[in-house]
Amino acid sequence: MPLKSFLLSFRLTDCPDRIFWQSLDKIIREELADLDEHRCIGTSINGDNGNDNKSIHLYTSSSKEIFLTIRYYDFNDDDDHHHNKKLISITGEMSQNCGELFRMNNLVEKLKDRLNTLCIGSDHCAGQQQQQQQQKMDHVEAIPILKRDNLVPSYFLTSDGRVLEYDFDKVLVNETTPFQNIKILHSPSLGNCLLLDDMQNLAEADLPYTHGLMNFGKNNYKDKEILILGGGDGGLLHELVKESPKFVTMIDIDEKVMLHCRKYLRGACGDTLDCFDGSNYKVIVGDCIRYMHDYIEQKRTFDVIFNDLTDIPISTREHRDVIVEDNQKLWSFVREILQLSMKILRPNGLYLNHAIGANCKQSLADYEQVVSELSNVQLDISSHTRYVPSFMEDWVFYQLQKR
């Protein structure tokens, strides 16, 4: 069983004094009876008045199965311009044995209830005139129990940086190629799920993603010549060949992805990747940009082009807690793919791509701006959304039609 962590926090209206710390210490010791060691690190800024607001309080058990840290923060709040933020933060860690003893979720709820009582009864959390009104309020934020040191990764992010917990229970593939890290994890609810560089790519339950990319039911692919850029999971190719296209060419740079998906992602790709040369399709292992330049020289064109490569980048203007690395490089890549695609797309042809989560509105606006700035081409642009099970969010897809 993994290490378990919990997080609690609540705000104060004034600096905590000695009485506050004594009350908090009493709650901690009563709810966590095994804690028998208490240390305070740091020095008091107002020792004469009993305040100890620059220190870190550490609690441990003699068995070392419980470790608790309490920290007081006093700093400017970017989200609240009226006053500084005064915050008590509590972080707890418990080993598997201790987790069984205390039944972690119940323990956190009890701690939260006791801390709410402390807030209501303390002048530091509410003035006396406010206490009656705040009796009905929940002052303490509790983050659900986090399981760490998992044999199978459980936590991943949405496109806008929110934490998701999955029910993955088995690692089927974990390999790093010259291009990316490949994981395929099994989930009782999603089937097998492909992750590239720890980003959700496609699960066997993700037919809505593939149909969203195809704008399924709105477009006719019969007798069309189609180019897929990327698509190494094989899901898009598998669904397209059902639509009786004239021919589909798929180009993906990482053969390892296709080989692993052929074995473990058959719920999405079927038997399509068993053979890279089918009766009406061909899978090419290589750099799609190089092949697109070759197609331009050969004057080869397509009725439909699917961009099933990377998501569009997170905009630096999203103002989210997401680190944007190589942002300009990624946008340059998006522009290059668009520009090359337009040169090999026939008049009235379709260019379809997946974008990003519906909550990333600035990123979507930036992408539409990039499309509008394409030179020497006129396009009709539309978008639609689908809920993708393994992403656990609504995903946006674009369709560009060349006039």
Protein backbone atom coordinates (compact mmCIF):
# COMPACT_ATOMS: atom_id res chain seq x y z
CA MET A 1 0.00 0.00 0.00
CA PRO A 2 1.28 3.49 -0.81
CA LEU A 3 2.12 6.39 1.44
CA LYS A 4 -0.94 8.55 2.08
CA SER A 5 -0.96 12.33 2.37
CA PHE A 6 -3.59 14.84 3.38
CA LEU A 7 -3.72 18.64 3.23
CA LEU A 8 -5.82 21.07 5.28
CA SER A 9 -5.77 24.86 5.31
CA PHE A 10 -7.77 27.80 6.64
CA ARG A 11 -7.44 31.56 6.74
CA LEU A 12 -7.11 33.85 9.72
CA THR A 13 -8.04 37.51 10.14
CA ASP A 14 -5.24 38.20 12.61
CA CYS A 15 -1.88 36.78 13.62
CA PRO A 16 -2.28 33.70 15.82
CA ASP A 17 -1.24 34.07 19.45
CA ARG A 18 -0.16 31.54 22.07
CA ILE A 19 -3.75 30.65 22.99
CA PHE A 20 -4.50 29.83 19.35
CA TRP A 21 -1.45 27.58 19.05
CA GLN A 22 -2.30 25.82 22.31
CA SER A 23 -5.85 25.19 21.09
CA LEU A 24 -4.58 23.87 17.78
CA ASP A 25 -2.04 21.65 19.53
CA LYS A 26 -4.81 20.21 21.71
CA ILE A 27 -6.90 19.30 18.65
CA ILE A 28 -3.96 17.69 16.89
CA ARG A 29 -3.01 15.57 19.89
CA GLU A 30 -6.56 14.47 20.59
CA GLU A 31 -7.33 13.45 17.00
CA LEU A 32 -3.90 11.91 16.36
CA ALA A 33 -3.25 10.10 19.60
CA ASP A 34 -0.05 8.46 18.35
CA LEU A 35 1.73 11.79 17.97
CA ASP A 36 4.15 11.89 20.86
CA GLU A 37 6.89 14.20 19.59
CA HIS A 38 6.48 17.93 18.90
CA ARG A 39 9.24 20.21 17.65
CA CYS A 40 9.17 23.83 16.66
CA ILE A 41 11.70 25.01 14.06
CA GLY A 42 12.51 28.71 13.80
CA THR A 43 12.34 31.68 16.14
CA SER A 44 9.43 33.74 17.34
CA ILE A 45 8.98 37.24 15.95
CA ASN A 46 6.96 38.33 18.99
CA GLY A 47 8.23 36.07 21.70
CA ASP A 48 7.19 38.42 24.50
CA ASN A 49 3.57 38.28 23.39
CA GLY A 50 3.49 34.56 22.95
CA ASN A 51 3.30 34.62 19.15
CA ASP A 52 5.32 32.11 17.18
CA ASN A 53 4.50 33.01 13.61
CA LYS A 54 7.80 32.40 11.86
CA SER A 55 8.19 28.82 13.00
CA ILE A 56 7.26 25.44 11.57
CA HIS A 57 5.57 22.97 13.89
CA LEU A 58 6.50 19.32 13.38
CA TYR A 59 4.68 16.38 14.95
CA THR A 60 5.84 12.77 14.68
CA SER A 61 5.02 9.46 16.26
CA SER A 62 7.66 7.33 17.93
CA SER A 63 7.02 4.64 15.30
CA LYS A 64 7.65 7.29 12.59
CA GLU A 65 4.44 6.22 10.84
CA ILE A 66 2.86 9.68 11.19
CA PHE A 67 4.45 12.98 10.24
CA LEU A 68 2.57 16.27 10.52
CA THR A 69 3.72 19.77 9.53
CA ILE A 70 1.91 22.98 10.48
CA ARG A 71 2.99 26.25 8.93
CA TYR A 72 1.69 29.81 9.26
CA TYR A 73 1.87 32.05 6.17
CA ASP A 74 1.45 35.81 6.04
CA PHE A 75 1.82 37.26 2.54
CA ASN A 76 0.10 39.37 -0.07
CA ASP A 77 -2.90 37.72 -1.72
CA ASP A 78 -2.95 38.28 -5.48
CA ASP A 79 -6.63 37.30 -5.60
CA ASP A 80 -7.73 39.58 -2.78
CA HIS A 81 -6.60 43.20 -2.91
CA HIS A 82 -8.18 44.15 0.44
CA HIS A 83 -5.73 42.52 2.84
CA ASN A 84 -2.80 40.18 3.22
CA LYS A 85 -3.42 36.46 3.37
CA LYS A 86 -2.94 34.84 6.76
CA LEU A 87 -3.05 31.10 6.32
CA ILE A 88 -2.58 27.99 8.43
CA SER A 89 -1.42 25.04 6.34
CA ILE A 90 -1.41 21.47 7.69
CA THR A 91 0.29 18.64 5.81
CA GLY A 92 0.11 15.07 7.05
CA GLU A 93 1.77 11.86 5.89
CA MET A 94 0.96 8.38 7.06
CA SER A 95 2.36 4.98 6.24
CA GLN A 96 0.18 2.07 5.22
CA ASN A 97 -0.11 0.67 8.75
CA CYS A 98 -1.12 3.98 10.22
CA GLY A 99 -3.53 4.57 7.36
CA GLU A 100 -5.35 1.37 8.26
CA LEU A 101 -5.41 2.32 11.93
CA PHE A 102 -6.95 5.72 11.51
CA ARG A 103 -9.11 5.11 8.43
CA MET A 104 -7.70 8.14 6.75
CA ASN A 105 -10.79 9.74 5.27
CA ASN A 106 -12.68 9.67 8.55
CA LEU A 107 -9.66 11.11 10.31
CA VAL A 108 -9.42 14.07 7.93
CA GLU A 109 -13.14 14.78 8.30
CA LYS A 110 -12.85 14.77 12.09
CA LEU A 111 -9.85 17.09 11.94
CA LYS A 112 -11.75 19.40 9.61
CA ASP A 113 -14.76 19.53 11.97
CA ARG A 114 -12.57 20.31 14.96
CA LEU A 115 -10.66 23.02 13.06
CA ASN A 116 -13.92 24.60 11.94
CA THR A 117 -14.93 24.78 15.60
CA LEU A 118 -11.61 26.44 16.38
CA CYS A 119 -12.18 28.99 13.61
CA ILE A 120 -15.69 29.85 14.75
CA GLY A 121 -14.63 30.25 18.35
CA SER A 122 -11.49 32.26 17.68
CA ASP A 123 -11.22 36.02 17.29
CA HIS A 124 -8.36 35.31 14.91
CA CYS A 125 -10.70 33.66 12.42
CA ALA A 126 -13.72 35.90 12.90
CA GLY A 127 -14.67 38.97 14.84
CA GLN A 128 -17.27 38.53 17.55
CA GLN A 129 -19.94 40.26 15.44
CA GLN A 130 -19.28 37.81 12.62
CA GLN A 131 -19.22 34.60 14.64
CA GLN A 132 -22.98 34.05 14.67
CA GLN A 133 -23.17 34.47 10.89
CA GLN A 134 -20.14 32.24 10.31
CA GLN A 135 -21.57 29.38 12.39
CA LYS A 136 -23.06 28.14 9.08
CA MET A 137 -19.83 28.47 7.10
CA ASP A 138 -17.16 25.91 6.29
CA HIS A 139 -13.81 27.61 6.89
CA VAL A 140 -11.42 24.71 6.38
CA GLU A 141 -10.35 23.41 2.99
CA ALA A 142 -9.46 19.71 2.92
CA ILE A 143 -7.76 18.17 -0.09
CA PRO A 144 -8.83 14.53 -0.66
CA ILE A 145 -6.38 11.86 0.43
CA LEU A 146 -3.46 11.52 -1.99
CA LYS A 147 -1.84 8.11 -2.45
CA ARG A 148 1.88 8.35 -3.17
CA ASP A 149 4.65 5.94 -4.09
CA ASN A 150 2.21 4.04 -6.32
CA LEU A 151 3.42 1.07 -8.35
CA VAL A 152 1.01 2.27 -11.05
CA PRO A 153 0.74 6.03 -11.75
CA SER A 154 -2.63 7.41 -10.70
CA TYR A 155 -2.49 11.22 -11.01
CA PHE A 156 -2.48 13.20 -14.23
CA LEU A 157 -3.67 16.64 -15.32
CA THR A 158 -6.44 18.12 -17.41
CA SER A 159 -5.42 20.47 -20.21
CA ASP A 160 -5.86 23.44 -17.86
CA GLY A 161 -3.83 21.93 -15.03
CA ARG A 162 -6.46 20.37 -12.75
CA VAL A 163 -5.49 17.15 -10.99
CA LEU A 164 -7.25 13.92 -11.96
CA GLU A 165 -7.07 10.58 -10.17
CA TYR A 166 -7.46 7.44 -12.28
CA ASP A 167 -8.19 3.83 -11.45
CA PHE A 168 -5.15 2.47 -13.29
CA ASP A 169 -4.15 -0.87 -11.81
CA LYS A 170 -1.51 -2.30 -14.15
CA VAL A 171 1.46 -1.03 -16.18
CA LEU A 172 1.50 -2.76 -19.55
CA VAL A 173 4.12 -0.58 -21.24
CA ASN A 174 6.64 1.93 -19.90
CA GLU A 175 9.31 2.67 -22.49
CA THR A 176 11.21 5.79 -23.49
CA THR A 177 12.08 6.11 -27.18
CA PRO A 178 14.20 8.82 -28.83
CA PHE A 179 10.94 10.74 -29.30
CA GLN A 180 8.89 10.34 -26.11
CA ASN A 181 7.97 8.24 -23.11
CA ILE A 182 5.28 5.68 -23.87
CA LYS A 183 3.00 4.27 -21.20
CA ILE A 184 0.04 2.00 -21.63
CA LEU A 185 -1.86 1.53 -18.38
CA HIS A 186 -4.87 -0.65 -17.71
CA SER A 187 -8.01 0.83 -16.20
CA PRO A 188 -11.12 -1.16 -15.17
CA SER A 189 -13.31 1.71 -16.40
CA LEU A 190 -11.39 2.90 -19.50
CA GLY A 191 -9.72 -0.26 -20.76
CA ASN A 192 -6.10 0.16 -21.79
CA CYS A 193 -4.96 3.77 -22.02
CA LEU A 194 -2.04 5.23 -24.00
CA LEU A 195 -0.09 8.12 -22.46
CA LEU A 196 2.71 9.95 -24.25
CA ASP A 197 5.05 11.94 -22.02
CA ASP A 198 2.45 11.45 -19.27
CA MET A 199 -0.29 13.12 -21.30
CA GLN A 200 -3.49 11.19 -21.93
CA ASN A 201 -3.56 10.21 -25.60
CA LEU A 202 -6.23 7.58 -26.21
CA ALA A 203 -8.03 4.90 -24.23
CA GLU A 204 -10.02 1.96 -25.54
CA ALA A 205 -13.14 3.75 -24.24
CA ASP A 206 -12.33 6.91 -26.22
CA LEU A 207 -14.34 6.40 -29.40
CA PRO A 208 -15.89 9.86 -28.77
CA TYR A 209 -12.41 11.34 -29.28
CA THR A 210 -11.93 9.63 -32.64
CA HIS A 211 -15.45 10.49 -33.77
CA GLY A 212 -14.90 14.06 -32.62
CA LEU A 213 -11.74 14.30 -34.70
CA MET A 214 -13.61 12.91 -37.72
CA ASN A 215 -16.66 15.12 -37.11
CA PHE A 216 -18.40 11.80 -37.46
CA GLY A 217 -21.83 11.86 -39.07
CA LYS A 218 -21.22 15.26 -40.70
CA ASN A 219 -18.50 14.35 -43.22
CA ASN A 220 -18.45 11.77 -45.99
CA TYR A 221 -15.13 9.98 -46.43
CA LYS A 222 -16.21 7.54 -49.13
CA ASP A 223 -13.79 7.50 -52.09
CA LYS A 224 -11.62 10.24 -50.52
CA GLU A 225 -7.84 10.38 -50.51
CA ILE A 226 -6.86 11.00 -46.92
CA LEU A 227 -3.64 11.92 -45.11
CA ILE A 228 -3.20 11.34 -41.37
CA LEU A 229 -0.38 13.23 -39.67
CA GLY A 230 0.52 11.32 -36.51
CA GLY A 231 -2.21 8.99 -35.32
CA GLY A 232 0.18 6.30 -34.07
CA ASP A 233 -2.43 4.79 -31.75
CA GLY A 234 -4.25 3.56 -34.86
CA GLY A 235 -7.70 4.57 -33.61
CA LEU A 236 -8.38 7.14 -36.34
CA LEU A 237 -7.08 4.89 -39.12
CA HIS A 238 -9.23 2.01 -37.84
CA GLU A 239 -12.41 4.11 -37.93
CA LEU A 240 -11.63 5.74 -41.29
CA VAL A 241 -11.15 2.48 -43.20
CA LYS A 242 -14.71 1.57 -42.19
CA GLU A 243 -15.91 4.57 -44.24
CA SER A 244 -14.72 3.15 -47.59
CA PRO A 245 -12.13 5.79 -48.45
CA LYS A 246 -10.21 5.56 -51.73
CA PHE A 247 -6.90 5.48 -49.83
CA VAL A 248 -5.51 6.56 -46.48
CA THR A 249 -1.86 7.45 -45.88
CA MET A 250 -0.75 7.67 -42.26
CA ILE A 251 2.66 9.05 -41.19
CA ASP A 252 3.89 8.69 -37.60
CA ILE A 253 7.47 9.12 -36.44
CA ASP A 254 7.48 6.63 -33.55
CA GLU A 255 7.10 3.02 -34.66
CA LYS A 256 7.22 1.84 -31.03
CA VAL A 257 3.89 3.54 -30.34
CA MET A 258 2.25 1.64 -33.19
CA LEU A 259 3.79 -1.69 -32.20
CA HIS A 260 2.66 -1.35 -28.58
CA CYS A 261 -0.84 -0.19 -29.58
CA ARG A 262 -1.11 -3.09 -32.01
CA LYS A 263 -0.73 -5.38 -29.01
CA TYR A 264 -2.38 -3.53 -26.14
CA LEU A 265 -4.85 -1.02 -27.65
CA ARG A 266 -6.85 -3.33 -29.87
CA GLY A 267 -10.08 -2.02 -28.40
CA ALA A 268 -9.33 1.21 -30.28
CA CYS A 269 -7.26 0.19 -33.31
CA GLY A 270 -8.60 -3.31 -33.89
CA ASP A 271 -6.38 -5.29 -36.25
CA THR A 272 -5.58 -2.29 -38.48
CA LEU A 273 -1.98 -1.97 -37.28
CA ASP A 274 -1.30 -5.68 -37.78
CA CYS A 275 -0.30 -4.76 -41.32
CA PHE A 276 1.20 -1.41 -42.35
CA ASP A 277 0.15 -1.97 -45.99
CA GLY A 278 -3.57 -2.61 -46.31
CA SER A 279 -5.79 -2.80 -49.34
CA ASN A 280 -6.73 0.87 -49.04
CA TYR A 281 -4.23 2.28 -46.56
CA LYS A 282 -0.51 2.58 -45.92
CA VAL A 283 1.29 3.34 -42.65
CA ILE A 284 4.62 5.15 -43.00
CA VAL A 285 7.16 5.38 -40.18
CA GLY A 286 8.83 8.75 -40.58
CA ASP A 287 8.80 12.52 -40.15
CA CYS A 288 5.56 13.86 -41.57
CA ILE A 289 7.10 17.28 -42.29
CA ARG A 290 9.68 15.73 -44.60
CA TYR A 291 6.99 13.75 -46.42
CA MET A 292 4.80 16.83 -46.77
CA HIS A 293 7.67 18.68 -48.46
CA ASP A 294 8.05 15.69 -50.79
CA TYR A 295 4.32 15.76 -51.60
CA ILE A 296 4.56 19.47 -52.44
CA GLU A 297 7.40 18.75 -54.90
CA GLN A 298 5.45 15.82 -56.36
CA LYS A 299 2.29 17.97 -56.56
CA ARG A 300 0.45 15.26 -54.68
CA THR A 301 -2.74 16.47 -52.97
CA PHE A 302 -5.43 15.09 -50.67
CA ASP A 303 -9.16 15.50 -50.15
CA VAL A 304 -8.83 15.32 -46.36
CA ILE A 305 -5.92 15.93 -43.98
CA PHE A 306 -6.08 14.98 -40.31
CA ASN A 307 -3.65 16.58 -37.89
CA ASP A 308 -3.48 14.00 -35.09
CA LEU A 309 -0.15 15.29 -33.77
CA THR A 310 0.31 17.38 -30.64
CA ASP A 311 -2.40 19.44 -28.94
CA ILE A 312 -2.29 23.17 -29.52
CA PRO A 313 -0.07 24.84 -26.88
CA ILE A 314 -1.32 26.39 -23.67
CA SER A 315 -1.46 30.15 -24.16
CA THR A 316 0.83 32.24 -21.96
CA ARG A 317 -2.23 34.44 -21.44
CA GLU A 318 -4.29 31.70 -19.78
CA HIS A 319 -3.12 32.87 -16.31
CA ARG A 320 -3.21 29.33 -14.98
CA ASP A 321 -0.80 27.41 -12.77
CA VAL A 322 0.58 25.58 -15.79
CA ILE A 323 4.22 25.83 -16.78
CA VAL A 324 4.53 26.72 -20.47
CA GLU A 325 7.83 25.44 -21.82
CA ASP A 326 8.98 26.01 -25.42
CA ASN A 327 5.70 27.79 -26.07
CA GLN A 328 6.89 29.73 -29.11
CA LYS A 329 8.54 26.63 -30.56
CA LEU A 330 5.27 24.72 -30.27
CA TRP A 331 3.29 27.51 -31.92
CA SER A 332 5.85 27.60 -34.73
CA PHE A 333 5.31 23.87 -35.21
CA VAL A 334 1.53 24.37 -35.36
CA ARG A 335 1.96 27.11 -37.99
CA GLU A 336 4.32 25.00 -40.07
CA ILE A 337 1.95 22.03 -40.12
CA LEU A 338 -0.93 24.31 -41.14
CA GLN A 339 1.06 26.03 -43.89
CA LEU A 340 2.33 22.77 -45.39
CA SER A 341 -1.09 21.16 -45.15
CA MET A 342 -2.76 23.97 -47.07
CA LYS A 343 -0.31 23.44 -49.93
CA ILE A 344 -1.30 19.80 -50.39
CA LEU A 345 -5.03 20.16 -49.62
CA ARG A 346 -7.33 20.21 -52.62
CA PRO A 347 -9.94 22.96 -53.16
CA ASN A 348 -12.99 22.26 -50.98
CA GLY A 349 -10.81 19.84 -49.03
CA LEU A 350 -11.04 19.38 -45.26
CA TYR A 351 -8.36 19.86 -42.62
CA LEU A 352 -9.35 18.45 -39.21
CA ASN A 353 -7.47 18.61 -35.93
CA HIS A 354 -7.89 18.11 -32.22
CA ALA A 355 -7.13 21.23 -30.19
CA ILE A 356 -7.30 21.37 -26.39
CA GLY A 357 -9.78 21.32 -23.51
CA ALA A 358 -12.79 23.62 -23.76
CA ASN A 359 -11.70 25.50 -20.61
CA CYS A 360 -8.54 26.80 -22.33
CA LYS A 361 -10.42 29.60 -24.05
CA GLN A 362 -7.42 31.87 -24.64
CA SER A 363 -5.47 29.04 -26.24
CA LEU A 364 -8.40 28.35 -28.55
CA ALA A 365 -8.60 32.04 -29.43
CA ASP A 366 -4.87 32.09 -30.15
CA TYR A 367 -5.23 29.10 -32.46
CA GLU A 368 -8.08 30.73 -34.37
CA GLN A 369 -5.90 33.82 -34.73
CA VAL A 370 -3.08 31.69 -36.16
CA VAL A 371 -5.51 30.16 -38.68
CA SER A 372 -6.85 33.59 -39.70
CA GLU A 373 -3.31 34.79 -40.41
CA LEU A 374 -2.52 32.03 -42.93
CA SER A 375 -1.58 33.63 -46.23
CA ASN A 376 -2.71 32.75 -49.76
CA VAL A 377 -5.61 30.62 -48.62
CA GLN A 378 -9.26 31.20 -47.74
CA LEU A 379 -10.81 28.95 -45.14
CA ASP A 380 -14.15 28.32 -43.52
CA ILE A 381 -13.48 27.44 -39.89
CA SER A 382 -15.78 25.64 -37.47
CA SER A 383 -15.35 23.85 -34.16
CA HIS A 384 -17.21 21.31 -32.08
CA THR A 385 -16.68 19.56 -28.74
CA ARG A 386 -16.88 16.01 -27.45
CA TYR A 387 -16.53 14.69 -23.93
CA VAL A 388 -13.53 12.33 -23.92
CA PRO A 389 -13.70 9.69 -21.15
CA SER A 390 -9.96 9.35 -20.48
CA PHE A 391 -9.44 13.13 -20.59
CA MET A 392 -12.38 13.64 -18.19
CA GLU A 393 -13.19 16.92 -19.93
CA ASP A 394 -14.79 18.38 -23.03
CA TRP A 395 -12.31 18.50 -25.91
CA VAL A 396 -12.42 20.94 -28.82
CA PHE A 397 -11.96 19.87 -32.44
CA TYR A 398 -11.58 22.10 -35.51
CA GLN A 399 -12.60 21.66 -39.11
CA LEU A 400 -11.13 23.95 -41.78
CA GLN A 401 -12.53 23.82 -45.31
CA LYS A 402 -10.44 25.23 -48.11
CA ARG A 403 -12.41 27.39 -50.54
